[in-house]
Protein backbone atom coordinates (compact mmCIF):
# COMPACT_ATOMS: atom_id res chain seq x y z
CA MET A 1 -18.46 -0.87 15.10
CA ILE A 2 -17.80 0.45 12.49
CA ARG A 3 -16.73 -2.70 9.68
CA GLU A 4 -13.71 -1.11 7.99
CA LEU A 5 -11.71 0.53 11.20
CA GLU A 6 -12.22 -2.91 12.89
CA LYS A 7 -10.42 -4.36 9.47
CA ALA A 8 -7.86 -1.87 9.40
CA ARG A 9 -7.37 -2.09 13.15
CA ALA A 10 -6.93 -5.88 12.90
CA LEU A 11 -4.05 -5.65 10.27
CA LYS A 12 -2.45 -3.30 12.46
CA GLY A 13 -2.63 -5.85 15.11
CA ARG A 14 -0.62 -8.04 12.33
CA LEU A 15 1.74 -6.08 11.02
CA ARG A 16 2.43 -5.61 14.57
CA ALA A 17 3.00 -9.42 15.26
CA GLY A 18 5.88 -9.65 12.52
CA ASN A 19 2.89 -11.53 9.62
CA VAL A 20 3.46 -11.88 6.80
CA LEU A 21 0.59 -9.80 4.94
CA LEU A 22 0.11 -10.64 1.11
CA ALA A 23 -1.29 -7.54 -1.28
CA ALA A 24 -2.08 -6.58 -4.48
CA GLN A 25 -2.46 -2.62 -6.09
CA VAL A 26 -5.38 -2.27 -8.36
CA ILE A 27 -4.79 0.05 -11.34
CA LEU A 28 -7.86 -0.82 -13.74
CA THR A 29 -11.13 1.54 -13.30
CA ASP A 30 -13.30 -1.53 -12.99
CA THR A 31 -14.54 -3.08 -9.49
CA SER A 32 -14.15 -6.72 -10.34
CA SER A 33 -10.64 -6.46 -9.72
CA VAL A 34 -11.31 -5.93 -6.28
CA GLU A 35 -13.84 -7.98 -5.89
CA ILE A 36 -11.67 -10.58 -7.61
CA LEU A 37 -8.16 -10.08 -5.73
CA ALA A 38 -10.32 -9.74 -2.19
CA ARG A 39 -11.82 -13.25 -3.24
CA ALA A 40 -7.95 -14.21 -3.46
CA GLY A 41 -7.00 -14.16 -0.32
CA PHE A 42 -4.87 -11.09 -0.54
CA ASP A 43 -4.67 -8.66 2.90
CA MET A 44 -5.06 -5.94 1.66
CA ILE A 45 -5.49 -3.97 -1.40
CA VAL A 46 -4.30 -0.49 -3.23
CA ILE A 47 -6.41 1.54 -4.99
CA ASP A 48 -3.62 3.50 -7.25
CA GLY A 49 -4.24 7.00 -7.32
CA GLU A 50 -1.00 8.41 -8.75
CA HIS A 51 -0.50 6.33 -11.79
CA SER A 52 -4.17 5.04 -12.92
CA ALA A 53 -7.22 6.95 -13.92
CA HIS A 54 -8.48 6.39 -11.05
CA ASP A 55 -10.61 9.50 -9.72
CA LEU A 56 -12.68 10.54 -6.94
CA LEU A 57 -15.40 8.39 -8.36
CA SER A 58 -13.56 5.73 -8.86
CA MET A 59 -12.17 5.78 -5.64
CA GLN A 60 -15.40 5.28 -3.36
CA SER A 61 -16.49 2.68 -5.33
CA MET A 62 -13.76 0.59 -5.58
CA LEU A 63 -13.87 1.36 -1.53
CA GLN A 64 -17.28 0.12 -1.73
CA ALA A 65 -16.28 -2.68 -3.17
CA GLY A 66 -13.86 -4.15 -1.18
CA VAL A 67 -17.03 -3.88 1.81
CA ALA A 68 -17.90 -7.60 2.08
CA GLY A 69 -13.98 -8.60 1.88
CA ASP A 70 -11.92 -9.10 4.93
CA ALA A 71 -8.93 -7.32 2.54
CA VAL A 72 -9.02 -3.89 3.91
CA VAL A 73 -8.81 -1.54 1.00
CA LEU A 74 -6.29 1.35 1.09
CA ALA A 75 -5.72 4.99 -1.24
CA ARG A 76 -2.60 5.55 -3.18
CA PRO A 77 -2.69 9.01 -3.47
CA LEU A 78 -1.18 10.46 -6.19
CA ARG A 79 1.60 12.84 -3.57
CA LEU A 80 1.94 13.62 -0.05
CA ASP A 81 -1.46 15.92 -0.29
CA PRO A 82 -3.48 16.58 3.19
CA ASP A 83 -6.17 17.34 1.22
CA LEU A 84 -6.51 14.40 -1.50
CA ILE A 85 -5.50 12.38 2.00
CA ARG A 86 -8.74 13.63 3.36
CA GLN A 87 -11.73 13.10 0.73
CA TYR A 88 -9.59 9.74 0.27
CA LEU A 89 -10.56 9.01 4.23
CA ASP A 90 -13.44 11.05 3.83
CA LEU A 91 -14.94 8.37 1.50
CA GLY A 92 -13.57 5.40 3.12
CA SER A 93 -10.93 4.64 2.86
CA PRO A 94 -8.66 3.28 6.45
CA GLY A 95 -5.79 5.04 6.10
CA VAL A 96 -3.08 5.37 3.33
CA VAL A 97 -0.43 3.98 1.54
CA CYS A 98 1.68 7.73 0.42
CA PRO A 99 4.22 7.66 -2.71
CA PHE A 100 7.89 9.35 -2.22
CA ILE A 101 7.58 9.99 1.53
CA GLU A 102 11.88 11.46 2.52
CA THR A 103 12.07 12.43 5.36
CA GLY A 104 10.82 12.26 8.92
CA GLN A 105 8.93 15.47 8.62
CA GLN A 106 6.82 13.91 5.96
CA ALA A 107 6.20 11.20 7.51
CA GLN A 108 4.68 13.07 11.08
CA THR A 109 2.26 15.04 7.81
CA LEU A 110 1.11 11.96 6.75
CA VAL A 111 -0.11 10.60 10.08
CA ASP A 112 -0.87 14.24 10.73
CA SER A 113 -3.18 13.63 7.66
CA THR A 114 -4.62 11.17 8.82
CA ARG A 115 -5.92 11.51 12.35
CA TYR A 116 -8.44 14.28 13.93
CA PRO A 117 -6.96 17.04 15.96
CA PRO A 118 -5.15 17.29 19.18
CA ALA A 119 -3.31 13.94 17.28
CA GLY A 120 -3.65 15.38 13.67
CA ILE A 121 -4.70 17.77 10.95
CA ARG A 122 -7.32 15.58 9.25
CA GLY A 123 -10.83 17.88 9.18
CA PHE A 124 -13.96 16.51 10.43
CA GLY A 125 -16.58 15.61 7.55
CA PRO A 126 -16.38 11.60 7.14
CA THR A 127 -19.58 11.24 3.87
CA ARG A 128 -19.32 7.83 3.12
CA ALA A 129 -16.26 6.95 5.82
CA GLY A 130 -19.49 7.95 8.23
CA ALA A 131 -22.18 6.15 6.80
CA HIS A 132 -23.02 9.65 5.73
CA GLY A 133 -24.05 10.81 9.85
CA ALA A 134 -25.90 7.94 11.23
CA ASP A 135 -21.92 6.70 11.61
CA ALA A 136 -19.75 10.14 11.49
CA GLY A 137 -19.73 10.30 16.03
CA GLU A 138 -18.59 6.72 16.37
CA TYR A 139 -16.53 7.59 13.03
CA PHE A 140 -14.64 10.55 14.88
CA GLU A 141 -13.99 8.56 18.56
CA SER A 142 -12.60 5.73 16.85
CA ALA A 143 -10.96 6.50 13.54
CA ASN A 144 -7.34 7.81 15.16
CA ASP A 145 -5.63 4.68 16.36
CA ALA A 146 -7.29 2.17 13.00
CA MET A 147 -5.90 4.61 10.24
CA LEU A 148 -3.53 2.90 8.64
CA CYS A 149 0.08 5.18 7.35
CA ILE A 150 2.50 3.46 4.89
CA PRO A 151 4.43 5.67 2.76
CA ILE A 152 6.07 4.16 0.05
CA ILE A 153 10.11 4.37 0.85
CA GLU A 154 11.76 4.54 -3.24
CA SER A 155 14.51 7.21 -3.23
CA ALA A 156 18.14 7.33 -2.07
CA THR A 157 17.21 10.28 0.10
CA ALA A 158 14.28 8.33 1.98
CA VAL A 159 16.93 5.49 2.47
CA GLU A 160 19.41 8.66 3.76
CA ASN A 161 16.32 9.69 5.86
CA ILE A 162 14.99 6.21 6.52
CA ASP A 163 15.51 6.07 10.95
CA GLU A 164 14.30 9.26 10.67
CA ILE A 165 10.91 8.13 8.43
CA VAL A 166 10.64 4.95 10.64
CA ALA A 167 10.86 6.96 14.39
CA VAL A 168 7.83 8.46 13.05
CA ASP A 169 4.81 7.67 16.06
CA GLY A 170 1.53 6.47 13.81
CA ILE A 171 3.88 4.68 10.79
CA ASP A 172 2.70 0.71 10.88
CA ALA A 173 5.36 0.20 7.34
CA VAL A 174 7.09 1.23 5.19
CA LEU A 175 7.09 -0.41 1.27
CA ILE A 176 10.23 -0.17 -1.01
CA GLY A 177 9.57 0.89 -3.93
CA PRO A 178 12.13 -0.94 -6.45
CA VAL A 179 11.81 0.61 -9.47
CA ASP A 180 12.00 4.48 -8.34
CA LEU A 181 14.26 3.80 -5.63
CA SER A 182 16.86 1.93 -8.26
CA ILE A 183 16.56 4.51 -10.76
CA SER A 184 17.65 7.41 -7.82
CA LEU A 185 20.18 5.51 -6.62
CA GLY A 186 21.74 4.43 -10.86
CA VAL A 187 20.74 0.95 -11.53
CA PHE A 188 17.78 0.84 -13.20
CA ALA A 189 16.30 -2.35 -12.39
CA GLN A 190 19.07 -3.52 -11.35
CA TYR A 191 17.79 -5.57 -8.29
CA THR A 192 20.80 -7.57 -7.53
CA SER A 193 23.48 -4.65 -7.81
CA GLU A 194 25.35 -3.76 -4.81
CA ARG A 195 24.11 -0.50 -4.47
CA TYR A 196 20.22 -1.18 -4.14
CA LEU A 197 20.32 -4.07 -1.51
CA ASP A 198 23.21 -2.65 0.30
CA ALA A 199 19.80 0.53 0.60
CA VAL A 200 17.58 -2.56 1.24
CA ALA A 201 19.54 -3.68 4.73
CA ALA A 202 19.68 -0.29 5.71
CA VAL A 203 16.06 -0.08 5.48
CA ARG A 204 15.99 -3.68 7.20
CA ALA A 205 17.94 -2.23 8.96
CA ALA A 206 16.52 0.74 10.22
CA CYS A 207 12.36 -0.98 10.77
CA GLU A 208 14.32 -3.59 12.97
CA ARG A 209 16.59 -0.38 14.52
CA HIS A 210 12.77 1.17 15.72
CA GLY A 211 10.25 -2.41 15.91
CA THR A 212 8.66 -0.81 12.43
CA ALA A 213 7.30 -3.62 9.61
CA MET A 214 9.40 -3.60 6.24
CA GLY A 215 7.51 -4.39 2.55
CA THR A 216 8.05 -4.00 -0.19
CA GLY A 217 6.94 -4.05 -4.10
CA ALA A 218 7.68 -7.44 -5.68
CA TYR A 219 9.25 -7.26 -9.33
CA ASP A 220 8.01 -11.30 -10.27
CA LEU A 221 7.12 -13.93 -7.73
CA GLU A 222 10.63 -15.63 -7.45
CA HIS A 223 11.30 -11.78 -5.23
CA ALA A 224 8.57 -11.69 -3.84
CA ARG A 225 9.23 -15.75 -2.18
CA ALA A 226 13.23 -14.31 -1.62
CA SER A 227 11.57 -11.19 0.19
CA ARG A 228 9.45 -13.35 2.17
CA ASP A 229 12.07 -16.10 3.06
CA ALA A 230 14.09 -12.99 4.22
CA GLY A 231 11.17 -11.72 6.84
CA ILE A 232 10.08 -8.67 4.72
CA GLN A 233 6.61 -8.46 6.06
CA LEU A 234 4.30 -7.32 3.97
CA LEU A 235 3.98 -7.75 0.16
CA LEU A 236 2.71 -5.84 -2.72
CA ALA A 237 3.16 -9.17 -4.79
CA LEU A 238 0.64 -8.48 -8.36
CA SER A 239 -1.09 -6.12 -10.01
CA ASP A 240 -4.47 -6.29 -11.79
CA ASP A 241 -3.15 -5.10 -14.78
CA GLN A 242 0.15 -6.50 -15.07
CA ALA A 243 -2.11 -10.46 -13.75
CA LEU A 244 -3.93 -10.04 -17.31
CA ARG A 245 -1.21 -9.09 -19.03
CA GLN A 246 0.94 -11.54 -18.87
CA THR A 247 -1.57 -13.96 -18.29
CA ALA A 248 -3.40 -13.65 -21.67
CA THR A 249 0.58 -13.04 -23.01
CA ASP A 250 1.60 -16.63 -21.94
CA LEU A 251 -1.71 -17.57 -23.05
CA VAL A 252 -1.54 -16.34 -26.20
CA ALA A 253 2.41 -17.86 -26.76
CA THR A 254 1.23 -20.90 -25.64
CA LEU A 255 -1.37 -21.20 -28.21
CA ARG A 256 0.69 -20.06 -31.13
CA ALA A 257 3.37 -22.62 -30.32
CA THR A 258 3.75 -25.27 -33.18
CA PRO A 259 2.05 -28.60 -32.44
CA ALA A 260 4.34 -30.80 -31.39
CA GLY A 261 4.93 -33.29 -34.20
CA ASN A 262 3.80 -30.49 -36.44
CA GLY A 263 7.26 -30.09 -37.99
């Protein structure tokens, strides 16, 4: 049994069962972030290769740091790139969270990139994922149905094509990227605007029609709670850099405030 594949398989089952799952994103390049977030109880940890300084070596280190915990650690590539995705999978990521998926064909390419033939186009070479050859055969036999494929929905075009995206066999969930989606809709950071809420509703309706789990990035705790209470299953609720910044900012502001009674 390959532990990381079994963890991914279990998470897929929880998504199908309608469980609410909590995810965190790692921007900083210290592996302690993965250890801390996994210990905190997050179900999934996303290593952001799109907006951070992560390279292949740091990605491998992050995946290694996640082995001891129960959280599923997934790579987030810079873009839909089958070659880069193959490298991340070979390093041990049991799937990917992929930005800017806008069409059904792109969603199909995403799934195909994570599957060995004849189900997909992934080339064979599971270095770390197959214990550098020790578990390569077992990995090959069991990897396809364990791979998690989660497109990020962050454009008006993606919303227009959401039915064909979520209809692709092998898409486990979709994740709304609130900031980029709001930009694409012309309502930057206006998350209560009618245009933004209509887009979210369209994604929700498509997910319900096709039985696909829906997720969203949460821009604050209140939004995360509201999304959870509205039935959204997958909540990307925290990033390590923002958590550190907010905690530090709040602490400094509190301690620099004029003490009561000192005028």
